[in-house]
């Protein structure tokens, strides 16, 4: 089980990019924190989520 934005999600064994796409996020408008470290966008396609991981998905919102 992976905790994503405070919710337990069954996605261990899945690549970060696959979760992002399935959840409907635009990878150009988000940042991913994995276990309290920012995950570089270049690593989204190679990083596999593991049981016990904690992920925060932060969306950027424009305004002013």
Protein backbone atom coordinates (compact mmCIF):
# COMPACT_ATOMS: atom_id res chain seq x y z
CA UNK A 1 0.00 0.00 0.00
CA UNK A 2 1.29 3.47 -0.91
CA UNK A 3 0.09 6.60 0.88
CA UNK A 4 -0.66 9.31 -1.72
CA UNK A 5 -1.82 12.73 -0.54
CA UNK A 6 -2.93 11.16 2.74
CA UNK A 7 -4.86 8.26 1.18
CA UNK A 8 -3.81 4.61 1.04
CA UNK A 9 -3.68 3.49 -2.60
CA UNK A 10 -2.97 0.05 -4.07
CA UNK A 11 -0.28 1.02 -6.56
CA UNK A 12 2.90 -0.59 -5.26
CA UNK A 13 4.88 -2.03 -8.15
CA UNK A 14 3.62 0.71 -10.47
CA UNK A 15 5.88 3.34 -12.02
CA UNK A 16 5.28 6.94 -10.94
CA UNK A 17 4.52 7.99 -14.53
CA UNK A 18 1.82 5.32 -14.79
CA UNK A 19 0.15 6.52 -11.60
CA UNK A 20 0.29 10.14 -12.81
CA UNK A 21 -1.32 9.25 -16.12
CA UNK A 22 -4.02 7.05 -14.58
CA UNK A 23 -4.88 9.70 -12.01
CA UNK A 24 -5.24 12.33 -14.77
CA UNK A 25 -2.39 14.63 -13.73
CA UNK A 26 -0.47 16.73 -16.26
CA UNK A 27 3.17 16.01 -15.41
CA UNK A 28 4.19 19.48 -16.57
CA UNK A 29 2.00 21.07 -13.87
CA UNK A 30 2.88 18.98 -10.82
CA UNK A 31 5.75 18.15 -8.51
CA UNK A 32 6.12 14.78 -6.80
CA UNK A 33 7.51 14.36 -3.30
CA UNK A 34 8.50 10.76 -2.58
CA UNK A 35 9.37 9.92 1.02
CA UNK A 36 10.05 13.61 1.81
CA UNK A 37 12.34 14.17 -1.20
CA UNK A 38 11.42 15.92 -4.45
CA UNK A 39 11.49 13.40 -7.29
CA UNK A 40 13.07 14.85 -10.46
CA UNK A 41 10.73 14.68 -13.46
CA UNK A 42 13.41 12.72 -15.32
CA UNK A 43 12.91 9.89 -12.81
CA UNK A 44 9.10 9.60 -13.13
CA UNK A 45 9.43 6.91 -15.82
CA UNK A 46 11.94 4.76 -13.93
CA UNK A 47 10.86 5.09 -10.29
CA UNK A 48 8.70 2.21 -9.07
CA UNK A 49 6.43 2.77 -6.08
CA UNK A 50 6.99 0.36 -3.19
CA UNK A 51 4.86 -0.75 -0.29
CA UNK A 52 5.18 1.85 2.48
CA UNK A 53 6.13 4.77 0.21
CA UNK A 54 4.65 8.17 1.03
CA UNK A 55 3.88 10.39 -1.97
CA UNK A 56 2.62 13.95 -2.18
CA UNK A 57 1.45 15.29 -5.52
CA UNK A 58 1.56 19.09 -5.63
CA UNK A 59 -0.27 20.89 -8.44
CA UNK A 60 0.82 24.30 -9.63
CA UNK A 61 -1.95 26.86 -9.99
CA UNK A 62 -1.51 30.13 -11.82
CA UNK A 63 -3.12 33.36 -10.77
CA UNK A 64 -2.39 36.81 -9.72
